[in-house]
C-alpha atoms as a PDB file:
ATOM      1  CA  MET A   1      -0.099   0.384   0.076  1.00  0.00           C
ATOM      2  CA  ILE A   2       1.242   3.135  -0.770  1.00  0.00           C
ATOM      3  CA  SER A   3       1.453   5.662   1.949  1.00  0.00           C
ATOM      4  CA  ALA A   4       0.970   9.450   2.348  1.00  0.00           C
ATOM      5  CA  ALA A   5       3.285  12.258   1.319  1.00  0.00           C
ATOM      6  CA  LYS A   6       5.383  13.674   3.253  1.00  0.00           C
ATOM      7  CA  ALA A   7       4.289  17.188   3.923  1.00  0.00           C
ATOM      8  CA  PRO A   8       6.551  19.696   1.658  1.00  0.00           C
ATOM      9  CA  THR A   9       9.393  21.380   2.283  1.00  0.00           C
ATOM     10  CA  THR A  10      11.593  24.353   2.235  1.00  0.00           C
ATOM     11  CA  ALA A  11      14.973  22.609   2.661  1.00  0.00           C
ATOM     12  CA  THR A  12      17.309  22.305   0.071  1.00  0.00           C
ATOM     13  CA  SER A  13      19.785  19.510   0.837  1.00  0.00           C
ATOM     14  CA  THR A  14      19.453  15.680   2.444  1.00  0.00           C
ATOM     15  CA  PRO A  15      21.791  15.432   5.004  1.00  0.00           C
ATOM     16  CA  THR A  16      24.701  12.842   4.145  1.00  0.00           C
ATOM     17  CA  ALA A  17      28.109  12.865   4.797  1.00  0.00           C
ATOM     18  CA  THR A  18      29.460  13.857   1.253  1.00  0.00           C
ATOM     19  CA  PRO A  19      26.565  14.503  -1.196  1.00  0.00           C
ATOM     20  CA  LYS A  20      27.106  12.883  -4.970  1.00  0.00           C
ATOM     21  CA  ILE A  21      26.277  16.364  -6.060  1.00  0.00           C
ATOM     22  CA  ALA A  22      26.252  19.593  -4.100  1.00  0.00           C
ATOM     23  CA  LEU A  23      25.755  22.943  -5.865  1.00  0.00           C
ATOM     24  CA  ASP A  24      26.375  25.662  -3.432  1.00  0.00           C
ATOM     25  CA  SER A  25      25.049  28.913  -4.047  1.00  0.00           C
ATOM     26  CA  MET A  26      25.568  28.629  -7.839  1.00  0.00           C
ATOM     27  CA  SER A  27      25.117  30.879 -10.308  1.00  0.00           C
ATOM     28  CA  LEU A  28      24.961  31.238 -14.618  1.00  0.00           C
ATOM     29  CA  THR A  29      24.952  34.544 -16.477  1.00  0.00           C
ATOM     30  CA  PHE A  30      25.041  34.289 -20.444  1.00  0.00           C
ATOM     31  CA  VAL A  31      27.163  36.929 -21.868  1.00  0.00           C
ATOM     32  CA  ALA A  32      27.031  37.534 -25.808  1.00  0.00           C
ATOM     33  CA  LYS A  33      29.158  40.125 -27.154  1.00  0.00           C
ATOM     34  CA  GLY A  34      27.256  43.651 -27.840  1.00  0.00           C
ATOM     35  CA  ARG A  35      24.467  42.078 -25.800  1.00  0.00           C
ATOM     36  CA  ARG A  36      23.129  42.676 -21.976  1.00  0.00           C
ATOM     37  CA  ALA A  37      24.091  40.073 -19.840  1.00  0.00           C
ATOM     38  CA  VAL A  38      21.576  37.287 -19.676  1.00  0.00           C
ATOM     39  CA  PRO A  39      21.091  35.795 -16.007  1.00  0.00           C
ATOM     40  CA  ALA A  40      20.249  31.976 -16.174  1.00  0.00           C
ATOM     41  CA  VAL A  41      20.783  30.553 -13.106  1.00  0.00           C
ATOM     42  CA  HIS A  42      20.787  32.926  -9.566  1.00  0.00           C
ATOM     43  CA  GLU A  43      22.146  31.461  -6.661  1.00  0.00           C
ATOM     44  CA  LEU A  44      21.282  27.943  -6.320  1.00  0.00           C
ATOM     45  CA  SER A  45      22.210  25.733  -3.423  1.00  0.00           C
ATOM     46  CA  LEU A  46      21.315  21.949  -3.281  1.00  0.00           C
ATOM     47  CA  ASP A  47      22.497  18.850  -1.810  1.00  0.00           C
ATOM     48  CA  ILE A  48      21.829  14.988  -3.793  1.00  0.00           C
ATOM     49  CA  ALA A  49      22.789  12.360  -2.116  1.00  0.00           C
ATOM     50  CA  PRO A  50      24.564   9.459  -3.441  1.00  0.00           C
ATOM     51  CA  GLY A  51      21.778   7.221  -5.157  1.00  0.00           C
ATOM     52  CA  GLU A  52      18.709   9.759  -5.075  1.00  0.00           C
ATOM     53  CA  PHE A  53      16.198  10.987  -7.681  1.00  0.00           C
ATOM     54  CA  VAL A  54      15.596  14.674  -8.104  1.00  0.00           C
ATOM     55  CA  ALA A  55      13.343  15.765 -10.725  1.00  0.00           C
ATOM     56  CA  VAL A  56      13.052  19.507 -11.420  1.00  0.00           C
ATOM     57  CA  VAL A  57      10.409  20.863 -13.347  1.00  0.00           C
ATOM     58  CA  GLY A  58       9.615  25.030 -14.072  1.00  0.00           C
ATOM     59  CA  PRO A  59       8.578  27.129 -16.470  1.00  0.00           C
ATOM     60  CA  SER A  60      10.128  27.188 -20.049  1.00  0.00           C
ATOM     61  CA  GLY A  61      12.932  28.334 -20.595  1.00  0.00           C
ATOM     62  CA  CYS A  62      13.874  29.038 -16.839  1.00  0.00           C
ATOM     63  CA  GLY A  63      17.700  27.537 -16.707  1.00  0.00           C
ATOM     64  CA  LYS A  64      16.733  23.731 -16.506  1.00  0.00           C
ATOM     65  CA  SER A  65      19.014  22.697 -19.241  1.00  0.00           C
ATOM     66  CA  THR A  66      21.291  24.922 -17.930  1.00  0.00           C
ATOM     67  CA  LEU A  67      22.000  23.255 -15.214  1.00  0.00           C
ATOM     68  CA  MET A  68      21.857  20.347 -16.378  1.00  0.00           C
ATOM     69  CA  ASN A  69      24.249  21.467 -18.427  1.00  0.00           C
ATOM     70  CA  VAL A  70      26.774  22.756 -15.457  1.00  0.00           C
ATOM     71  CA  ILE A  71      26.398  19.784 -13.498  1.00  0.00           C
ATOM     72  CA  SER A  72      27.781  18.021 -16.203  1.00  0.00           C
ATOM     73  CA  GLY A  73      30.542  20.329 -16.472  1.00  0.00           C
ATOM     74  CA  LEU A  74      29.911  21.354 -20.275  1.00  0.00           C
ATOM     75  CA  MET A  75      29.115  25.032 -18.677  1.00  0.00           C
ATOM     76  CA  PRO A  76      31.760  26.416 -15.861  1.00  0.00           C
ATOM     77  CA  PRO A  77      29.649  28.404 -13.385  1.00  0.00           C
ATOM     78  CA  THR A  78      29.736  31.921 -13.663  1.00  0.00           C
ATOM     79  CA  LYS A  79      29.376  32.196  -9.396  1.00  0.00           C
ATOM     80  CA  GLY A  80      30.001  29.424  -6.926  1.00  0.00           C
ATOM     81  CA  VAL A  81      30.499  25.897  -7.179  1.00  0.00           C
ATOM     82  CA  VAL A  82      29.392  22.375  -8.007  1.00  0.00           C
ATOM     83  CA  ARG A  83      30.827  19.286  -6.574  1.00  0.00           C
ATOM     84  CA  ILE A  84      30.351  15.855  -7.042  1.00  0.00           C
ATOM     85  CA  ASP A  85      31.705  13.578  -4.100  1.00  0.00           C
ATOM     86  CA  GLY A  86      33.071  16.551  -3.042  1.00  0.00           C
ATOM     87  CA  ASN A  87      35.285  17.293  -5.404  1.00  0.00           C
ATOM     88  CA  PRO A  88      34.492  20.752  -7.404  1.00  0.00           C
ATOM     89  CA  VAL A  89      33.665  19.970 -11.543  1.00  0.00           C
ATOM     90  CA  ARG A  90      36.049  21.150 -14.059  1.00  0.00           C
ATOM     91  CA  GLY A  91      35.487  20.296 -17.103  1.00  0.00           C
ATOM     92  CA  ILE A  92      33.543  17.313 -18.469  1.00  0.00           C
ATOM     93  CA  GLN A  93      32.645  14.328 -16.218  1.00  0.00           C
ATOM     94  CA  SER A  94      33.397  10.679 -17.160  1.00  0.00           C
ATOM     95  CA  ASN A  95      31.346   9.634 -14.386  1.00  0.00           C
ATOM     96  CA  ILE A  96      27.632  10.867 -16.066  1.00  0.00           C
ATOM     97  CA  GLY A  97      25.855   9.025 -17.992  1.00  0.00           C
ATOM     98  CA  TYR A  98      22.973  11.618 -20.448  1.00  0.00           C
ATOM     99  CA  MET A  99      19.463  10.913 -22.130  1.00  0.00           C
ATOM    100  CA  PRO A 100      18.577  14.197 -23.649  1.00  0.00           C
ATOM    101  CA  SER A 101      14.658  14.687 -24.781  1.00  0.00           C
ATOM    102  CA  ARG A 102      15.457  12.574 -28.320  1.00  0.00           C
ATOM    103  CA  ASP A 103      16.295   9.311 -28.934  1.00  0.00           C
ATOM    104  CA  ALA A 104      19.851  10.628 -30.541  1.00  0.00           C
ATOM    105  CA  LEU A 105      20.882   7.339 -32.224  1.00  0.00           C
ATOM    106  CA  LEU A 106      23.245   7.152 -35.074  1.00  0.00           C
ATOM    107  CA  PRO A 107      21.138   5.831 -38.242  1.00  0.00           C
ATOM    108  CA  TRP A 108      24.021   4.205 -39.484  1.00  0.00           C
ATOM    109  CA  ARG A 109      24.498   1.423 -36.298  1.00  0.00           C
ATOM    110  CA  THR A 110      22.179  -1.401 -35.964  1.00  0.00           C
ATOM    111  CA  ALA A 111      20.453  -0.912 -32.507  1.00  0.00           C
ATOM    112  CA  VAL A 112      22.993  -3.192 -31.077  1.00  0.00           C
ATOM    113  CA  ARG A 113      25.779  -1.032 -32.587  1.00  0.00           C
ATOM    114  CA  ASN A 114      24.421   2.163 -31.011  1.00  0.00           C
ATOM    115  CA  VAL A 115      24.662   0.458 -27.750  1.00  0.00           C
ATOM    116  CA  GLU A 116      28.226  -0.011 -27.938  1.00  0.00           C
ATOM    117  CA  TYR A 117      28.846   3.210 -28.972  1.00  0.00           C
ATOM    118  CA  GLY A 118      29.031   4.850 -25.920  1.00  0.00           C
ATOM    119  CA  LEU A 119      31.065   1.089 -24.267  1.00  0.00           C
ATOM    120  CA  GLU A 120      33.867   2.461 -27.235  1.00  0.00           C
ATOM    121  CA  PHE A 121      34.095   5.536 -26.140  1.00  0.00           C
ATOM    122  CA  ARG A 122      34.853   4.527 -22.454  1.00  0.00           C
ATOM    123  CA  GLY A 123      37.051   1.982 -23.659  1.00  0.00           C
ATOM    124  CA  VAL A 124      34.734  -0.852 -22.050  1.00  0.00           C
ATOM    125  CA  ARG A 125      36.479  -3.977 -22.929  1.00  0.00           C
ATOM    126  CA  LYS A 126      34.254  -6.377 -24.774  1.00  0.00           C
ATOM    127  CA  PRO A 127      31.312  -3.594 -26.208  1.00  0.00           C
ATOM    128  CA  ALA A 128      29.230  -6.215 -27.824  1.00  0.00           C
ATOM    129  CA  GLU A 129      28.799  -8.356 -25.639  1.00  0.00           C
ATOM    130  CA  LEU A 130      27.830  -6.175 -23.052  1.00  0.00           C
ATOM    131  CA  ALA A 131      25.649  -4.415 -25.803  1.00  0.00           C
ATOM    132  CA  ARG A 132      23.620  -7.592 -26.326  1.00  0.00           C
ATOM    133  CA  GLU A 133      23.474  -7.935 -22.720  1.00  0.00           C
ATOM    134  CA  GLY A 134      21.550  -4.321 -22.589  1.00  0.00           C
ATOM    135  CA  ILE A 135      19.531  -5.349 -25.932  1.00  0.00           C
ATOM    136  CA  ALA A 136      17.724  -8.303 -24.623  1.00  0.00           C
ATOM    137  CA  ARG A 137      17.759  -5.925 -21.147  1.00  0.00           C
ATOM    138  CA  VAL A 138      15.144  -3.721 -23.201  1.00  0.00           C
ATOM    139  CA  GLY A 139      12.922  -6.479 -24.035  1.00  0.00           C
ATOM    140  CA  LEU A 140      14.424  -5.691 -27.698  1.00  0.00           C
ATOM    141  CA  ALA A 141      16.070  -9.326 -28.120  1.00  0.00           C
ATOM    142  CA  GLY A 142      15.717 -10.012 -32.319  1.00  0.00           C
ATOM    143  CA  PHE A 143      15.786  -6.329 -32.956  1.00  0.00           C
ATOM    144  CA  GLU A 144      20.203  -5.967 -32.439  1.00  0.00           C
ATOM    145  CA  ASP A 145      20.383  -5.781 -36.145  1.00  0.00           C
ATOM    146  CA  HIS A 146      17.747  -2.929 -37.292  1.00  0.00           C
ATOM    147  CA  TYR A 147      18.538  -0.074 -37.837  1.00  0.00           C
ATOM    148  CA  PRO A 148      17.031   2.913 -36.404  1.00  0.00           C
ATOM    149  CA  SER A 149      14.263   3.319 -39.242  1.00  0.00           C
ATOM    150  CA  GLU A 150      13.396   0.130 -38.311  1.00  0.00           C
ATOM    151  CA  LEU A 151      12.161   0.876 -35.005  1.00  0.00           C
ATOM    152  CA  SER A 152       8.540   2.277 -33.625  1.00  0.00           C
ATOM    153  CA  GLN A 153      10.000   5.646 -31.551  1.00  0.00           C
ATOM    154  CA  GLY A 154       9.256   3.806 -28.152  1.00  0.00           C
ATOM    155  CA  MET A 155      11.592   0.815 -29.343  1.00  0.00           C
ATOM    156  CA  ARG A 156      14.234   3.635 -30.123  1.00  0.00           C
ATOM    157  CA  GLN A 157      14.065   4.957 -26.369  1.00  0.00           C
ATOM    158  CA  ARG A 158      14.607   1.429 -25.476  1.00  0.00           C
ATOM    159  CA  VAL A 159      17.383   1.169 -27.211  1.00  0.00           C
ATOM    160  CA  ALA A 160      18.519   5.400 -25.609  1.00  0.00           C
ATOM    161  CA  ILE A 161      18.253   3.025 -22.288  1.00  0.00           C
ATOM    162  CA  ALA A 162      20.422   0.393 -22.890  1.00  0.00           C
ATOM    163  CA  ARG A 163      23.183   2.544 -24.125  1.00  0.00           C
ATOM    164  CA  THR A 164      22.743   4.668 -21.084  1.00  0.00           C
ATOM    165  CA  PHE A 165      22.612   1.827 -18.391  1.00  0.00           C
ATOM    166  CA  ALA A 166      25.325  -0.328 -20.379  1.00  0.00           C
ATOM    167  CA  SER A 167      28.214   1.804 -19.245  1.00  0.00           C
ATOM    168  CA  SER A 168      27.122   2.402 -15.751  1.00  0.00           C
ATOM    169  CA  PRO A 169      27.430   5.658 -15.119  1.00  0.00           C
ATOM    170  CA  GLU A 170      27.448   6.928 -11.001  1.00  0.00           C
ATOM    171  CA  ILE A 171      25.244   9.975 -12.321  1.00  0.00           C
ATOM    172  CA  MET A 172      22.108   9.826 -14.761  1.00  0.00           C
ATOM    173  CA  LEU A 173      21.082  13.498 -15.944  1.00  0.00           C
ATOM    174  CA  MET A 174      17.971  12.878 -18.339  1.00  0.00           C
ATOM    175  CA  ASP A 175      16.546  16.032 -20.165  1.00  0.00           C
ATOM    176  CA  GLU A 176      12.655  14.980 -20.918  1.00  0.00           C
ATOM    177  CA  PRO A 177      13.590  11.903 -21.479  1.00  0.00           C
ATOM    178  CA  PHE A 178      10.386  10.636 -22.736  1.00  0.00           C
ATOM    179  CA  SER A 179       8.601  13.683 -24.074  1.00  0.00           C
ATOM    180  CA  ALA A 180       8.862  12.304 -27.627  1.00  0.00           C
ATOM    181  CA  LEU A 181       6.491   9.355 -26.675  1.00  0.00           C
ATOM    182  CA  ASP A 182       2.580   8.984 -26.336  1.00  0.00           C
ATOM    183  CA  ALA A 183       1.236   8.950 -23.329  1.00  0.00           C
ATOM    184  CA  GLN A 184       0.818   5.200 -22.867  1.00  0.00           C
ATOM    185  CA  THR A 185       3.979   4.537 -24.254  1.00  0.00           C
ATOM    186  CA  ARG A 186       5.729   6.884 -21.774  1.00  0.00           C
ATOM    187  CA  VAL A 187       3.848   4.855 -19.073  1.00  0.00           C
ATOM    188  CA  ARG A 188       5.856   2.016 -20.137  1.00  0.00           C
ATOM    189  CA  MET A 189       9.295   3.560 -20.646  1.00  0.00           C
ATOM    190  CA  GLN A 190       8.628   5.232 -16.983  1.00  0.00           C
ATOM    191  CA  ASP A 191       7.659   2.318 -15.655  1.00  0.00           C
ATOM    192  CA  LEU A 192      11.529   0.398 -17.336  1.00  0.00           C
ATOM    193  CA  PHE A 193      13.470   2.631 -16.468  1.00  0.00           C
ATOM    194  CA  LEU A 194      12.560   2.318 -13.385  1.00  0.00           C
ATOM    195  CA  ASP A 195      12.796  -1.319 -13.226  1.00  0.00           C
ATOM    196  CA  MET A 196      16.345  -1.078 -14.039  1.00  0.00           C
ATOM    197  CA  TRP A 197      17.115   1.904 -11.755  1.00  0.00           C
ATOM    198  CA  GLU A 198      16.836  -0.127  -9.266  1.00  0.00           C
ATOM    199  CA  SER A 199      19.230  -2.484  -9.709  1.00  0.00           C
ATOM    200  CA  GLU A 200      21.556   0.270 -10.378  1.00  0.00           C
ATOM    201  CA  ARG A 201      20.693   2.766  -7.737  1.00  0.00           C
ATOM    202  CA  MET A 202      22.555   5.682  -9.491  1.00  0.00           C
ATOM    203  CA  THR A 203      21.850   9.262  -8.668  1.00  0.00           C
ATOM    204  CA  VAL A 204      19.055  11.276 -11.170  1.00  0.00           C
ATOM    205  CA  VAL A 205      18.705  14.541 -11.883  1.00  0.00           C
ATOM    206  CA  LEU A 206      15.615  14.705 -14.239  1.00  0.00           C
ATOM    207  CA  VAL A 207      14.611  17.312 -16.259  1.00  0.00           C
ATOM    208  CA  THR A 208      10.743  17.680 -17.215  1.00  0.00           C
ATOM    209  CA  HIS A 209       7.671  19.744 -17.856  1.00  0.00           C
ATOM    210  CA  ASP A 210       5.657  17.316 -16.623  1.00  0.00           C
ATOM    211  CA  ALA A 211       4.472  17.570 -13.025  1.00  0.00           C
ATOM    212  CA  THR A 212       3.481  14.158 -12.927  1.00  0.00           C
ATOM    213  CA  GLU A 213       6.594  12.408 -14.157  1.00  0.00           C
ATOM    214  CA  ALA A 214       8.639  14.237 -11.850  1.00  0.00           C
ATOM    215  CA  ILE A 215       6.174  13.108  -8.919  1.00  0.00           C
ATOM    216  CA  ALA A 216       6.194   9.482 -10.355  1.00  0.00           C
ATOM    217  CA  LEU A 217       9.959   8.799 -10.685  1.00  0.00           C
ATOM    218  CA  ALA A 218      11.564  10.699  -8.187  1.00  0.00           C
ATOM    219  CA  ASP A 219      12.138  11.167  -4.594  1.00  0.00           C
ATOM    220  CA  ARG A 220      12.171  14.615  -4.270  1.00  0.00           C
ATOM    221  CA  VAL A 221      10.909  17.470  -6.671  1.00  0.00           C
ATOM    222  CA  VAL A 222      12.656  20.781  -6.925  1.00  0.00           C
ATOM    223  CA  VAL A 223      10.309  23.754  -8.130  1.00  0.00           C
ATOM    224  CA  LEU A 224      12.152  26.599  -9.840  1.00  0.00           C
ATOM    225  CA  THR A 225      11.447  30.171 -10.411  1.00  0.00           C
ATOM    226  CA  ASP A 226      11.421  31.804 -13.844  1.00  0.00           C
ATOM    227  CA  ARG A 227      14.671  32.656 -15.425  1.00  0.00           C
ATOM    228  CA  PRO A 228      16.996  33.508 -13.901  1.00  0.00           C
ATOM    229  CA  ALA A 229      15.970  29.996 -12.337  1.00  0.00           C
ATOM    230  CA  ARG A 230      16.059  29.962  -8.031  1.00  0.00           C
ATOM    231  CA  ILE A 231      14.713  27.268  -5.998  1.00  0.00           C
ATOM    232  CA  LYS A 232      11.094  28.161  -5.029  1.00  0.00           C
ATOM    233  CA  ALA A 233      10.594  24.489  -3.064  1.00  0.00           C
ATOM    234  CA  VAL A 234      11.807  21.554  -2.994  1.00  0.00           C
ATOM    235  CA  ILE A 235       9.054  18.853  -2.247  1.00  0.00           C
ATOM    236  CA  ASP A 236       9.555  15.819  -0.240  1.00  0.00           C
ATOM    237  CA  VAL A 237       7.943  13.142  -2.479  1.00  0.00           C
ATOM    238  CA  GLY A 238       7.294  10.472  -0.014  1.00  0.00           C
ATOM    239  CA  PHE A 239       6.100   7.357  -2.002  1.00  0.00           C
ATOM    240  CA  PRO A 240       7.877   4.534  -1.511  1.00  0.00           C
ATOM    241  CA  ARG A 241       9.873   2.321  -3.707  1.00  0.00           C
ATOM    242  CA  PRO A 242       9.666   0.137  -5.248  1.00  0.00           C
ATOM    243  CA  ARG A 243       6.370   2.165  -7.398  1.00  0.00           C
ATOM    244  CA  SER A 244       4.753   1.146 -10.812  1.00  0.00           C
ATOM    245  CA  VAL A 245       4.066   4.472 -12.052  1.00  0.00           C
ATOM    246  CA  ARG A 246       0.652   3.445 -13.810  1.00  0.00           C
ATOM    247  CA  ASP A 247      -0.154   2.023 -10.173  1.00  0.00           C
ATOM    248  CA  LEU A 248       0.632   5.058  -8.143  1.00  0.00           C
ATOM    249  CA  ILE A 249      -0.918   8.016 -10.492  1.00  0.00           C
ATOM    250  CA  ARG A 250      -4.524   6.140  -9.163  1.00  0.00           C
ATOM    251  CA  ARG A 251      -3.821   7.030  -6.277  1.00  0.00           C
ATOM    252  CA  HIS A 252      -5.631  10.031  -4.572  1.00  0.00           C
ATOM    253  CA  GLU A 253      -1.773  10.551  -2.151  1.00  0.00           C
ATOM    254  CA  PHE A 254      -0.703  10.766  -6.257  1.00  0.00           C
ATOM    255  CA  GLN A 255      -2.641  14.117  -6.745  1.00  0.00           C
ATOM    256  CA  ASP A 256      -2.654  15.669  -3.425  1.00  0.00           C
ATOM    257  CA  VAL A 257       0.827  15.920  -4.315  1.00  0.00           C
ATOM    258  CA  LEU A 258       0.790  16.780  -7.782  1.00  0.00           C
ATOM    259  CA  THR A 259      -2.090  19.944  -7.106  1.00  0.00           C
ATOM    260  CA  ARG A 260       0.806  21.503  -4.878  1.00  0.00           C
ATOM    261  CA  VAL A 261       2.888  21.011  -6.862  1.00  0.00           C
ATOM    262  CA  TRP A 262       1.160  22.926  -9.861  1.00  0.00           C
ATOM    263  CA  ASP A 263       0.491  25.161  -7.204  1.00  0.00           C
ATOM    264  CA  LEU A 264       3.913  26.337  -6.182  1.00  0.00           C
ATOM    265  CA  LEU A 265       4.356  26.561 -10.828  1.00  0.00           C
ATOM    266  CA  GLU A 266       1.214  28.964 -10.926  1.00  0.00           C
ATOM    267  CA  GLU A 267       2.116  30.973  -7.919  1.00  0.00           C
ATOM    268  CA  PRO A 268       3.570  34.109  -8.463  1.00  0.00           C
ATOM    269  CA  GLU A 269       6.715  35.391  -7.081  1.00  0.00           C
ATOM    270  CA  GLY A 270       7.273  36.210  -3.634  1.00  0.00           C
ATOM    271  CA  ARG A 271       4.024  34.625  -2.115  1.00  0.00           C
ATOM    272  CA  GLN A 272       5.214  31.209  -1.362  1.00  0.00           C
ATOM    273  CA  GLN A 273       5.501  30.206   1.496  1.00  0.00           C
END
């Protein structure tokens, strides 16, 4: 039975000796020659524990994807610091996996060869063997030698999930990974992802516009303000694991949390408690 969700909190950290990811007063401002500076993220502090699943929601264009780029090391912060395992992030991190909104499969590679690609990049021995295991794990045994153009969007996303998990990242960054799927396929892919994540328990940061998805998948939901992004609230979802998305979203406790998140998203700045 699913327990009632815990009361929302505005705390921005989870107690842990060393957070897997720590954002300390992190700000980022875009400065283009001949144009005014554009602040994207402002004074954002957040600790994420090892193995925690955190979802980030906020208005369109508020800086969610920028936040992911800073965590990954693609962009240095203008101010403050980002740490992974206590060490400041300086450049792209090899222990981070990334799932974008589109599957980003290479069209000239078969499904299994796409999964191999990430393993080859990391110098993993016997990538073909691991890639075939990954394909089977996402339920695509028999489709190893099919090209992306021969697969449905849902099947392509399964390949993308297999590719990301195959490299066993310690941290997974997900930027709207299921947004291109229809509603029914999206729930199936979310449940598949959770099943696989339960066996690995890497740290996950998910950026999404879908409040339902955020609550169904995450341990905590971080609600951001409009640009420049600041933390408006952090909600402890409070539902036990393992969990099923298709079962969870039917519960009245889930609807209570969903209403709270929507209220925060629609609440004018300065009025939140």
